[in-house]
Amino acid sequence: MGIAALSLALVGALCGCKRKPGRAAVDAGGPGDADADAGGGASAGPGASADDTPLPRTRIIEIRVGDATPPPLRLVTLDGAKLREVAQHVLAASDAFLGEADSGGATHKLQIDVASLTTAKGKPDRPVQASDKQRGPAITEILLEITLTPVGGSPEDSPRMTRGVAQREVQLPIAADVAARVQLDAERALEGTLETLIAEERLRSGDPAEIGAALGSPDPELKALAIRYAGARRSRGLVGRLAGFLRDPDIDVRDAAIGALVEIGDPSAVKPLTEAIEFKDLDSMRRILDALAALGGDDAQSYLELVSSGHEDPRIRALAAAALERMQRKAPRTP
């Protein structure tokens, strides 16, 4: 999302429009836990083995900060240079990322977009303009969006994004000391949002234990993220745990587990996939049948042949037949 789009998202949120929350929503009441253990290491990652291949560590060569607030609505001017300093300090202290002076890693640029908007208290659909002479209680909201963009990377190395939000009750007109506290709110929200990015980087390139711990999180978003990185890292030793998520109550967790098992490519995943099928849910059926076709092997073929020829529902037979055809097309031909 660019600066203009970020401004529109913030204005829309404060005007009562529905906004899909980002992965991180940070309360300005305090930063994230900044003393978590660093999970970095060499490019191969500590604890790397044939059963786990950490992705290359992220090397950040540039940090930029942009103010996405529409000028007519800018009641508080945030110090972008200070926010940049905060970002540099938090990232360096984490030791999760490589810096500009380091060699190796996957080169990225970090963009921090920040927007602020003030509305009269009780009137969330009425943004206050800088030219207004309004007085009385109001709410200032800050929206942060952090984007890590690869430089010259492969097409599948897509940007990573996380967001944070902070709020403060203020009095209009906003006094200088209050504006200073809003700046501190933005800095603390930035710290917390960066901690989310750091946690993700540790799942990408840190010790395999980081993924194991995150798989036990009660937070379904963190759990799904850990599952996806288990797949990206080809964490074969976690196939059993990943299979256990095929019946998770959260659909994103279930979908992440299916995708991860396919990425790892272990044929032992075929049985738990077939056991997780719910014939009443066609969408779930389609995803699992596609996964079986991607994994391939005798067991997957036997199951797809059975369903495509013997299931009573013609729609399910068609799904299985299509999956079987895809599997047979990609299978190597014997001379």
Protein backbone atom coordinates (compact mmCIF):
# COMPACT_ATOMS: atom_id res chain seq x y z
CA MET A 1 0.00 0.00 0.00
CA GLY A 2 1.43 3.38 -1.01
CA ILE A 3 1.28 6.57 1.02
CA ALA A 4 -1.91 7.81 -0.64
CA ALA A 5 -3.65 4.47 -0.14
CA LEU A 6 -2.55 4.39 3.49
CA SER A 7 -4.12 7.80 4.04
CA LEU A 8 -7.36 6.61 2.49
CA ALA A 9 -7.35 3.50 4.68
CA LEU A 10 -6.95 5.61 7.81
CA VAL A 11 -9.63 8.10 6.77
CA GLY A 12 -11.96 5.22 5.91
CA ALA A 13 -11.36 3.57 9.27
CA LEU A 14 -12.14 6.70 11.23
CA CYS A 15 -15.20 7.41 9.11
CA GLY A 16 -16.74 4.11 10.19
CA CYS A 17 -15.73 2.03 7.18
CA LYS A 18 -14.68 -1.54 7.86
CA ARG A 19 -10.93 -2.09 7.71
CA LYS A 20 -9.40 -5.52 7.70
CA PRO A 21 -6.88 -5.59 10.54
CA GLY A 22 -3.25 -6.20 9.80
CA ARG A 23 -1.23 -8.90 11.45
CA ALA A 24 -0.18 -6.55 14.25
CA ALA A 25 -2.39 -4.09 16.07
CA VAL A 26 -0.24 -2.33 18.64
CA ASP A 27 -1.67 -0.38 21.55
CA ALA A 28 0.35 2.74 22.30
CA GLY A 29 0.18 1.82 25.98
CA GLY A 30 3.52 0.07 25.69
CA PRO A 31 6.02 -1.43 23.26
CA GLY A 32 6.38 -5.09 22.52
CA ASP A 33 8.82 -7.13 24.59
CA ALA A 34 12.13 -5.92 23.29
CA ASP A 35 14.38 -8.34 25.17
CA ALA A 36 13.40 -11.51 23.36
CA ASP A 37 16.33 -13.75 22.48
CA ALA A 38 17.83 -13.16 19.06
CA GLY A 39 17.21 -15.98 16.63
CA GLY A 40 19.57 -14.92 13.84
CA GLY A 41 22.77 -16.61 12.83
CA ALA A 42 24.54 -17.39 9.61
CA SER A 43 22.70 -17.52 6.34
CA ALA A 44 22.08 -21.23 6.73
CA GLY A 45 20.66 -20.58 10.17
CA PRO A 46 21.67 -22.21 13.45
CA GLY A 47 20.48 -25.76 13.85
CA ALA A 48 20.09 -26.25 10.09
CA SER A 49 19.86 -29.88 9.02
CA ALA A 50 18.62 -32.04 6.20
CA ASP A 51 15.20 -31.84 7.83
CA ASP A 52 15.12 -28.03 7.98
CA THR A 53 16.45 -25.37 5.61
CA PRO A 54 16.15 -21.84 7.01
CA LEU A 55 15.59 -19.14 4.43
CA PRO A 56 18.40 -16.61 3.88
CA ARG A 57 18.53 -13.88 6.51
CA THR A 58 17.08 -10.54 5.49
CA ARG A 59 19.64 -7.79 4.89
CA ILE A 60 18.18 -4.29 5.20
CA ILE A 61 20.12 -1.71 3.18
CA GLU A 62 17.77 1.24 3.56
CA ILE A 63 15.09 2.52 5.96
CA ARG A 64 12.70 5.23 4.82
CA VAL A 65 9.86 6.95 6.66
CA GLY A 66 6.96 8.67 4.92
CA ASP A 67 4.09 10.73 6.33
CA ALA A 68 0.88 9.55 4.66
CA THR A 69 -1.38 12.10 6.37
CA PRO A 70 -3.25 14.35 3.91
CA PRO A 71 -1.86 17.87 4.55
CA PRO A 72 -5.27 19.45 5.32
CA LEU A 73 -5.74 16.88 8.13
CA ARG A 74 -2.24 17.10 9.62
CA LEU A 75 -2.83 18.47 13.14
CA VAL A 76 0.30 16.75 14.46
CA THR A 77 3.58 16.68 12.54
CA LEU A 78 5.41 13.46 13.35
CA ASP A 79 9.20 13.44 13.42
CA GLY A 80 10.16 11.00 10.67
CA ALA A 81 13.88 11.21 11.46
CA LYS A 82 13.21 10.17 15.06
CA LEU A 83 11.01 7.28 13.92
CA ARG A 84 13.81 6.17 11.64
CA GLU A 85 16.25 6.25 14.56
CA VAL A 86 13.85 4.12 16.62
CA ALA A 87 13.61 1.59 13.80
CA GLN A 88 17.39 1.42 13.43
CA HIS A 89 17.84 0.86 17.16
CA VAL A 90 15.15 -1.83 17.50
CA LEU A 91 16.35 -3.77 14.47
CA ALA A 92 20.01 -3.61 15.49
CA ALA A 93 19.24 -4.69 19.05
CA SER A 94 17.26 -7.69 17.85
CA ASP A 95 20.15 -9.12 15.81
CA ALA A 96 17.50 -10.82 13.66
CA PHE A 97 18.36 -8.88 10.49
CA LEU A 98 21.60 -8.22 8.66
CA GLY A 99 22.59 -4.58 8.23
CA GLU A 100 23.83 -2.58 5.27
CA ALA A 101 27.47 -3.21 6.18
CA ASP A 102 26.96 -7.00 6.42
CA SER A 103 27.52 -9.38 3.53
CA GLY A 104 25.22 -12.09 2.28
CA GLY A 105 21.53 -12.50 2.96
CA ALA A 106 18.53 -11.43 0.91
CA THR A 107 18.68 -7.68 0.25
CA HIS A 108 15.60 -5.64 1.20
CA LYS A 109 14.50 -2.06 1.74
CA LEU A 110 12.30 -1.11 4.70
CA GLN A 111 9.54 1.47 4.23
CA ILE A 112 7.66 2.89 7.23
CA ASP A 113 4.50 4.78 6.30
CA VAL A 114 2.75 6.64 9.10
CA ALA A 115 -0.50 8.60 9.07
CA SER A 116 -2.34 10.53 11.78
CA LEU A 117 -5.92 11.67 11.88
CA THR A 118 -7.89 13.51 14.54
CA THR A 119 -11.66 13.37 15.03
CA ALA A 120 -13.88 15.13 17.53
CA LYS A 121 -14.72 12.79 20.39
CA GLY A 122 -17.99 11.03 19.69
CA LYS A 123 -17.86 12.01 16.02
CA PRO A 124 -15.63 9.42 14.33
CA ASP A 125 -16.97 10.37 10.89
CA ARG A 126 -15.84 14.00 11.19
CA PRO A 127 -12.07 14.37 10.66
CA VAL A 128 -10.79 17.67 12.05
CA GLN A 129 -8.92 19.83 9.57
CA ALA A 130 -5.86 21.86 10.43
CA SER A 131 -7.69 25.03 9.44
CA ASP A 132 -10.60 24.39 11.84
CA LYS A 133 -10.97 26.52 14.96
CA GLN A 134 -12.59 23.64 16.80
CA ARG A 135 -12.12 23.19 20.56
CA GLY A 136 -12.83 20.36 22.98
CA PRO A 137 -11.99 16.65 23.39
CA ALA A 138 -10.84 14.65 20.36
CA ILE A 139 -9.14 11.38 19.42
CA THR A 140 -5.89 11.24 17.48
CA GLU A 141 -5.20 7.90 15.78
CA ILE A 142 -1.89 6.84 14.27
CA LEU A 143 -1.62 4.09 11.68
CA LEU A 144 1.73 2.52 10.90
CA GLU A 145 2.45 0.30 7.92
CA ILE A 146 5.86 -1.34 7.59
CA THR A 147 6.85 -2.97 4.30
CA LEU A 148 9.97 -5.03 3.60
CA THR A 149 10.54 -5.10 -0.15
CA PRO A 150 13.13 -7.37 -1.80
CA VAL A 151 15.73 -5.74 -4.05
CA GLY A 152 16.35 -7.75 -7.19
CA GLY A 153 14.91 -10.87 -5.62
CA SER A 154 13.06 -13.71 -7.26
CA PRO A 155 9.39 -13.13 -8.19
CA GLU A 156 8.18 -15.41 -5.39
CA ASP A 157 10.05 -13.32 -2.79
CA SER A 158 7.11 -11.00 -2.20
CA PRO A 159 7.09 -7.96 0.12
CA ARG A 160 6.31 -8.56 3.79
CA MET A 161 3.97 -6.15 5.53
CA THR A 162 2.79 -5.53 9.07
CA ARG A 163 0.70 -2.78 10.66
CA GLY A 164 0.28 -1.06 14.00
CA VAL A 165 -2.23 1.37 15.48
CA ALA A 166 -2.05 3.86 18.35
CA GLN A 167 -4.69 6.17 19.82
CA ARG A 168 -4.66 9.09 22.25
CA GLU A 169 -7.36 11.36 23.62
CA VAL A 170 -6.41 15.01 23.12
CA GLN A 171 -7.85 18.48 23.60
CA LEU A 172 -8.30 20.79 20.64
CA PRO A 173 -6.34 22.77 19.77
CA ILE A 174 -3.50 20.30 20.35
CA ALA A 175 -0.86 21.81 22.64
CA ALA A 176 2.85 21.29 22.00
CA ASP A 177 3.30 18.97 25.00
CA VAL A 178 0.40 16.80 23.84
CA ALA A 179 1.85 16.66 20.32
CA ALA A 180 5.10 15.43 21.90
CA ARG A 181 3.19 12.63 23.65
CA VAL A 182 1.55 11.67 20.34
CA GLN A 183 5.07 11.40 18.89
CA LEU A 184 6.04 9.07 21.74
CA ASP A 185 2.89 7.01 21.08
CA ALA A 186 3.98 6.65 17.46
CA GLU A 187 7.47 5.57 18.52
CA ARG A 188 6.16 2.97 20.95
CA ALA A 189 3.69 1.66 18.37
CA LEU A 190 6.57 1.42 15.90
CA GLU A 191 8.63 -0.57 18.40
CA GLY A 192 5.79 -3.03 18.92
CA THR A 193 5.08 -3.37 15.21
CA LEU A 194 8.76 -3.99 14.47
CA GLU A 195 8.74 -6.75 17.11
CA THR A 196 6.13 -8.52 14.98
CA LEU A 197 8.42 -8.22 11.96
CA ILE A 198 11.36 -9.49 14.01
CA ALA A 199 9.35 -12.49 15.21
CA GLU A 200 8.51 -13.33 11.59
CA GLU A 201 12.17 -13.05 10.56
CA ARG A 202 13.12 -15.53 13.28
CA LEU A 203 10.57 -17.95 11.89
CA ARG A 204 12.09 -17.48 8.43
CA SER A 205 15.77 -17.76 9.19
CA GLY A 206 16.30 -18.51 12.88
CA ASP A 207 16.64 -21.66 14.94
CA PRO A 208 14.02 -24.37 14.18
CA ALA A 209 12.99 -24.13 17.84
CA GLU A 210 11.43 -20.74 17.03
CA ILE A 211 8.94 -22.47 14.74
CA GLY A 212 8.29 -25.24 17.23
CA ALA A 213 7.44 -22.71 19.94
CA ALA A 214 5.18 -20.66 17.65
CA LEU A 215 3.24 -23.77 16.65
CA GLY A 216 2.11 -23.99 20.26
CA SER A 217 0.87 -20.39 20.35
CA PRO A 218 -2.80 -19.76 21.21
CA ASP A 219 -2.76 -16.98 18.57
CA PRO A 220 -4.09 -18.52 15.32
CA GLU A 221 -2.39 -15.86 13.16
CA LEU A 222 1.03 -16.59 14.65
CA LYS A 223 0.35 -20.32 14.45
CA ALA A 224 -0.60 -20.11 10.76
CA LEU A 225 2.50 -18.00 10.05
CA ALA A 226 4.73 -20.56 11.76
CA ILE A 227 3.10 -23.37 9.77
CA ARG A 228 3.74 -21.53 6.49
CA TYR A 229 7.41 -21.04 7.35
CA ALA A 230 7.69 -24.69 8.39
CA GLY A 231 6.64 -25.46 4.82
CA ALA A 232 8.94 -22.87 3.28
CA ARG A 233 11.86 -24.28 5.27
CA ARG A 234 10.96 -27.86 4.32
CA SER A 235 10.84 -28.80 8.02
CA ARG A 236 10.37 -32.51 7.50
CA GLY A 237 10.72 -33.22 11.21
CA LEU A 238 7.51 -31.27 11.86
CA VAL A 239 5.28 -33.21 9.44
CA GLY A 240 3.53 -35.01 12.30
CA ARG A 241 2.73 -31.77 14.13
CA LEU A 242 1.60 -30.06 10.94
CA ALA A 243 -0.75 -32.94 10.16
CA GLY A 244 -2.35 -32.39 13.54
CA PHE A 245 -3.46 -28.92 12.40
CA LEU A 246 -5.57 -30.33 9.55
CA ARG A 247 -8.52 -30.44 11.95
CA ASP A 248 -7.83 -27.10 13.64
CA PRO A 249 -10.99 -25.00 14.20
CA ASP A 250 -9.37 -22.02 12.41
CA ILE A 251 -9.64 -22.28 8.61
CA ASP A 252 -6.45 -20.26 8.02
CA VAL A 253 -4.52 -22.69 10.22
CA ARG A 254 -5.99 -25.67 8.35
CA ASP A 255 -5.18 -24.16 4.95
CA ALA A 256 -1.65 -23.29 6.07
CA ALA A 257 -1.14 -26.89 7.20
CA ILE A 258 -2.27 -28.26 3.83
CA GLY A 259 0.06 -25.91 1.99
CA ALA A 260 3.01 -26.66 4.26
CA LEU A 261 2.62 -30.43 3.90
CA VAL A 262 2.62 -30.04 0.12
CA GLU A 263 5.73 -27.84 0.21
CA ILE A 264 7.59 -30.33 2.38
CA GLY A 265 6.53 -33.13 0.03
CA ASP A 266 6.74 -35.98 2.53
CA PRO A 267 4.57 -38.92 1.35
CA SER A 268 3.72 -39.72 4.97
CA ALA A 269 1.34 -36.74 4.82
CA VAL A 270 -1.01 -38.56 2.44
CA LYS A 271 -2.73 -40.62 5.14
CA PRO A 272 -3.54 -37.74 7.53
CA LEU A 273 -4.75 -35.68 4.57
CA THR A 274 -7.21 -38.37 3.52
CA GLU A 275 -8.37 -38.79 7.12
CA ALA A 276 -9.05 -35.05 7.39
CA ILE A 277 -11.40 -34.96 4.40
CA GLU A 278 -14.95 -33.86 5.11
CA PHE A 279 -17.09 -34.86 2.16
CA LYS A 280 -19.77 -32.31 3.05
CA ASP A 281 -17.35 -29.41 2.56
CA LEU A 282 -16.57 -29.14 -1.15
CA ASP A 283 -14.04 -26.32 -0.72
CA SER A 284 -12.12 -28.34 1.85
CA MET A 285 -12.38 -31.41 -0.37
CA ARG A 286 -10.95 -29.52 -3.33
CA ARG A 287 -7.97 -28.24 -1.33
CA ILE A 288 -7.11 -31.65 0.08
CA LEU A 289 -7.58 -33.50 -3.21
CA ASP A 290 -5.31 -30.93 -4.88
CA ALA A 291 -2.76 -31.51 -2.12
CA LEU A 292 -2.87 -35.28 -2.70
CA ALA A 293 -2.31 -34.71 -6.41
CA ALA A 294 0.66 -32.47 -5.65
CA LEU A 295 2.21 -35.01 -3.25
CA GLY A 296 1.69 -37.90 -5.63
CA GLY A 297 2.74 -41.48 -4.95
CA ASP A 298 0.92 -44.80 -4.95
CA ASP A 299 -1.19 -44.09 -1.86
CA ALA A 300 -2.42 -40.76 -3.23
CA GLN A 301 -3.20 -42.31 -6.59
CA SER A 302 -5.12 -45.20 -5.04
CA TYR A 303 -7.22 -42.82 -2.95
CA LEU A 304 -8.01 -40.52 -5.87
CA GLU A 305 -8.94 -43.49 -8.07
CA LEU A 306 -11.26 -44.82 -5.37
CA VAL A 307 -13.05 -41.50 -4.86
CA SER A 308 -13.24 -40.64 -8.57
CA SER A 309 -14.89 -43.94 -9.42
CA GLY A 310 -16.85 -44.85 -6.34
CA HIS A 311 -18.14 -41.80 -4.50
CA GLU A 312 -21.89 -41.28 -4.65
CA ASP A 313 -21.68 -37.50 -5.21
CA PRO A 314 -20.89 -36.69 -8.88
CA ARG A 315 -19.33 -33.36 -7.87
CA ILE A 316 -16.83 -35.11 -5.59
CA ARG A 317 -16.11 -37.74 -8.24
CA ALA A 318 -15.35 -34.91 -10.68
CA LEU A 319 -13.02 -33.16 -8.23
CA ALA A 320 -11.12 -36.39 -7.57
CA ALA A 321 -10.92 -37.21 -11.28
CA ALA A 322 -9.52 -33.77 -12.08
CA ALA A 323 -6.94 -34.10 -9.29
CA LEU A 324 -5.99 -37.57 -10.51
CA GLU A 325 -5.53 -36.28 -14.05
CA ARG A 326 -3.22 -33.49 -12.82
CA MET A 327 -1.18 -35.96 -10.80
CA GLN A 328 -0.80 -38.31 -13.76
CA ARG A 329 0.21 -35.45 -16.07
CA LYS A 330 3.06 -34.41 -13.83
CA ALA A 331 4.23 -37.96 -13.06
CA PRO A 332 7.50 -38.89 -14.82
CA ARG A 333 6.96 -41.20 -17.74
CA THR A 334 8.88 -44.45 -17.82
CA PRO A 335 10.49 -45.29 -21.18
